[in-house]
Amino acid sequence: MALHIERDTAYTLKEIEEGLGIVKVLTLRRWIADGKLRAVKMGRAWVVMGRDLMAAIDNWPGVK
Protein backbone atom coordinates (compact mmCIF):
# COMPACT_ATOMS: atom_id res chain seq x y z
CA MET A 1 0.00 0.00 0.00
CA ALA A 2 1.43 3.37 -0.96
CA LEU A 3 0.75 6.29 1.34
CA HIS A 4 -0.39 9.50 -0.33
CA ILE A 5 0.68 12.18 2.13
CA GLU A 6 -1.66 15.12 2.66
CA ARG A 7 -0.13 18.16 4.39
CA ASP A 8 -3.04 18.72 6.81
CA THR A 9 -3.73 15.08 7.68
CA ALA A 10 -2.55 13.42 10.89
CA TYR A 11 -0.98 9.95 10.54
CA THR A 12 -0.30 7.36 13.22
CA LEU A 13 3.11 5.73 13.30
CA LYS A 14 1.52 2.44 12.21
CA GLU A 15 -0.06 4.14 9.18
CA ILE A 16 3.32 5.57 8.23
CA GLU A 17 5.04 2.20 8.67
CA GLU A 18 2.43 0.35 6.59
CA GLY A 19 2.01 3.10 4.00
CA LEU A 20 5.67 3.81 3.31
CA GLY A 21 7.03 0.33 3.92
CA ILE A 22 10.56 1.66 4.44
CA VAL A 23 10.67 2.44 8.16
CA LYS A 24 9.53 0.66 11.33
CA VAL A 25 7.48 2.13 14.19
CA LEU A 26 10.42 1.74 16.59
CA THR A 27 12.61 3.79 14.26
CA LEU A 28 9.93 6.48 14.01
CA ARG A 29 9.70 6.60 17.83
CA ARG A 30 13.48 7.00 18.06
CA TRP A 31 13.39 9.84 15.51
CA ILE A 32 10.67 11.54 17.56
CA ALA A 33 12.77 11.19 20.74
CA ASP A 34 15.84 12.53 18.90
CA GLY A 35 13.90 15.51 17.49
CA LYS A 36 14.25 14.32 13.88
CA LEU A 37 10.49 13.87 13.43
CA ARG A 38 7.91 16.23 14.87
CA ALA A 39 4.94 14.43 16.44
CA VAL A 40 2.34 14.85 19.17
CA LYS A 41 0.90 12.33 21.57
CA MET A 42 -2.86 11.90 21.28
CA GLY A 43 -4.02 9.52 23.98
CA ARG A 44 -1.72 6.53 23.71
CA ALA A 45 -0.77 7.10 20.07
CA TRP A 46 1.82 9.32 18.44
CA VAL A 47 0.58 11.22 15.40
CA VAL A 48 2.55 13.06 12.75
CA MET A 49 1.12 15.78 10.56
CA GLY A 50 1.63 15.25 6.85
CA ARG A 51 3.67 18.44 6.51
CA ASP A 52 6.08 17.23 9.23
CA LEU A 53 6.34 13.80 7.62
CA MET A 54 7.15 15.39 4.24
CA ALA A 55 9.85 17.55 5.88
CA ALA A 56 11.37 14.48 7.55
CA ILE A 57 11.32 12.49 4.30
CA ASP A 58 13.19 15.32 2.57
CA ASN A 59 15.99 14.84 5.11
CA TRP A 60 16.14 11.02 4.99
CA PRO A 61 19.39 9.75 3.44
CA GLY A 62 18.95 8.29 -0.01
CA VAL A 63 15.40 9.64 -0.48
CA LYS A 64 14.91 12.37 -3.06
C-alpha atoms as a PDB file:
ATOM      1  CA  MET A   1       0.000   0.000   0.000  1.00  0.00           C
ATOM      2  CA  ALA A   2       1.425   3.374  -0.964  1.00  0.00           C
ATOM      3  CA  LEU A   3       0.750   6.293   1.340  1.00  0.00           C
ATOM      4  CA  HIS A   4      -0.394   9.495  -0.334  1.00  0.00           C
ATOM      5  CA  ILE A   5       0.684  12.180   2.134  1.00  0.00           C
ATOM      6  CA  GLU A   6      -1.664  15.116   2.657  1.00  0.00           C
ATOM      7  CA  ARG A   7      -0.128  18.163   4.393  1.00  0.00           C
ATOM      8  CA  ASP A   8      -3.037  18.721   6.808  1.00  0.00           C
ATOM      9  CA  THR A   9      -3.732  15.080   7.682  1.00  0.00           C
ATOM     10  CA  ALA A  10      -2.551  13.421  10.890  1.00  0.00           C
ATOM     11  CA  TYR A  11      -0.977   9.949  10.544  1.00  0.00           C
ATOM     12  CA  THR A  12      -0.296   7.360  13.216  1.00  0.00           C
ATOM     13  CA  LEU A  13       3.110   5.732  13.299  1.00  0.00           C
ATOM     14  CA  LYS A  14       1.516   2.439  12.213  1.00  0.00           C
ATOM     15  CA  GLU A  15      -0.064   4.140   9.178  1.00  0.00           C
ATOM     16  CA  ILE A  16       3.320   5.567   8.234  1.00  0.00           C
ATOM     17  CA  GLU A  17       5.042   2.203   8.666  1.00  0.00           C
ATOM     18  CA  GLU A  18       2.430   0.351   6.595  1.00  0.00           C
ATOM     19  CA  GLY A  19       2.013   3.100   4.004  1.00  0.00           C
ATOM     20  CA  LEU A  20       5.668   3.807   3.314  1.00  0.00           C
ATOM     21  CA  GLY A  21       7.025   0.332   3.925  1.00  0.00           C
ATOM     22  CA  ILE A  22      10.564   1.657   4.445  1.00  0.00           C
ATOM     23  CA  VAL A  23      10.669   2.441   8.157  1.00  0.00           C
ATOM     24  CA  LYS A  24       9.532   0.660  11.335  1.00  0.00           C
ATOM     25  CA  VAL A  25       7.480   2.129  14.191  1.00  0.00           C
ATOM     26  CA  LEU A  26      10.418   1.739  16.591  1.00  0.00           C
ATOM     27  CA  THR A  27      12.609   3.786  14.256  1.00  0.00           C
ATOM     28  CA  LEU A  28       9.928   6.479  14.015  1.00  0.00           C
ATOM     29  CA  ARG A  29       9.698   6.603  17.825  1.00  0.00           C
ATOM     30  CA  ARG A  30      13.484   7.004  18.056  1.00  0.00           C
ATOM     31  CA  TRP A  31      13.387   9.839  15.511  1.00  0.00           C
ATOM     32  CA  ILE A  32      10.674  11.542  17.564  1.00  0.00           C
ATOM     33  CA  ALA A  33      12.765  11.193  20.740  1.00  0.00           C
ATOM     34  CA  ASP A  34      15.839  12.527  18.900  1.00  0.00           C
ATOM     35  CA  GLY A  35      13.904  15.507  17.493  1.00  0.00           C
ATOM     36  CA  LYS A  36      14.250  14.318  13.881  1.00  0.00           C
ATOM     37  CA  LEU A  37      10.486  13.870  13.429  1.00  0.00           C
ATOM     38  CA  ARG A  38       7.906  16.231  14.875  1.00  0.00           C
ATOM     39  CA  ALA A  39       4.940  14.428  16.443  1.00  0.00           C
ATOM     40  CA  VAL A  40       2.342  14.854  19.168  1.00  0.00           C
ATOM     41  CA  LYS A  41       0.900  12.332  21.569  1.00  0.00           C
ATOM     42  CA  MET A  42      -2.864  11.897  21.285  1.00  0.00           C
ATOM     43  CA  GLY A  43      -4.023   9.523  23.976  1.00  0.00           C
ATOM     44  CA  ARG A  44      -1.721   6.533  23.710  1.00  0.00           C
ATOM     45  CA  ALA A  45      -0.774   7.100  20.070  1.00  0.00           C
ATOM     46  CA  TRP A  46       1.820   9.324  18.443  1.00  0.00           C
ATOM     47  CA  VAL A  47       0.584  11.221  15.399  1.00  0.00           C
ATOM     48  CA  VAL A  48       2.554  13.061  12.750  1.00  0.00           C
ATOM     49  CA  MET A  49       1.117  15.776  10.555  1.00  0.00           C
ATOM     50  CA  GLY A  50       1.633  15.246   6.845  1.00  0.00           C
ATOM     51  CA  ARG A  51       3.670  18.442   6.508  1.00  0.00           C
ATOM     52  CA  ASP A  52       6.076  17.230   9.227  1.00  0.00           C
ATOM     53  CA  LEU A  53       6.335  13.802   7.622  1.00  0.00           C
ATOM     54  CA  MET A  54       7.154  15.389   4.245  1.00  0.00           C
ATOM     55  CA  ALA A  55       9.848  17.549   5.884  1.00  0.00           C
ATOM     56  CA  ALA A  56      11.374  14.481   7.552  1.00  0.00           C
ATOM     57  CA  ILE A  57      11.315  12.493   4.298  1.00  0.00           C
ATOM     58  CA  ASP A  58      13.189  15.318   2.572  1.00  0.00           C
ATOM     59  CA  ASN A  59      15.991  14.835   5.108  1.00  0.00           C
ATOM     60  CA  TRP A  60      16.138  11.024   4.991  1.00  0.00           C
ATOM     61  CA  PRO A  61      19.389   9.751   3.440  1.00  0.00           C
ATOM     62  CA  GLY A  62      18.949   8.287  -0.009  1.00  0.00           C
ATOM     63  CA  VAL A  63      15.399   9.641  -0.479  1.00  0.00           C
ATOM     64  CA  LYS A  64      14.909  12.372  -3.055  1.00  0.00           C
END
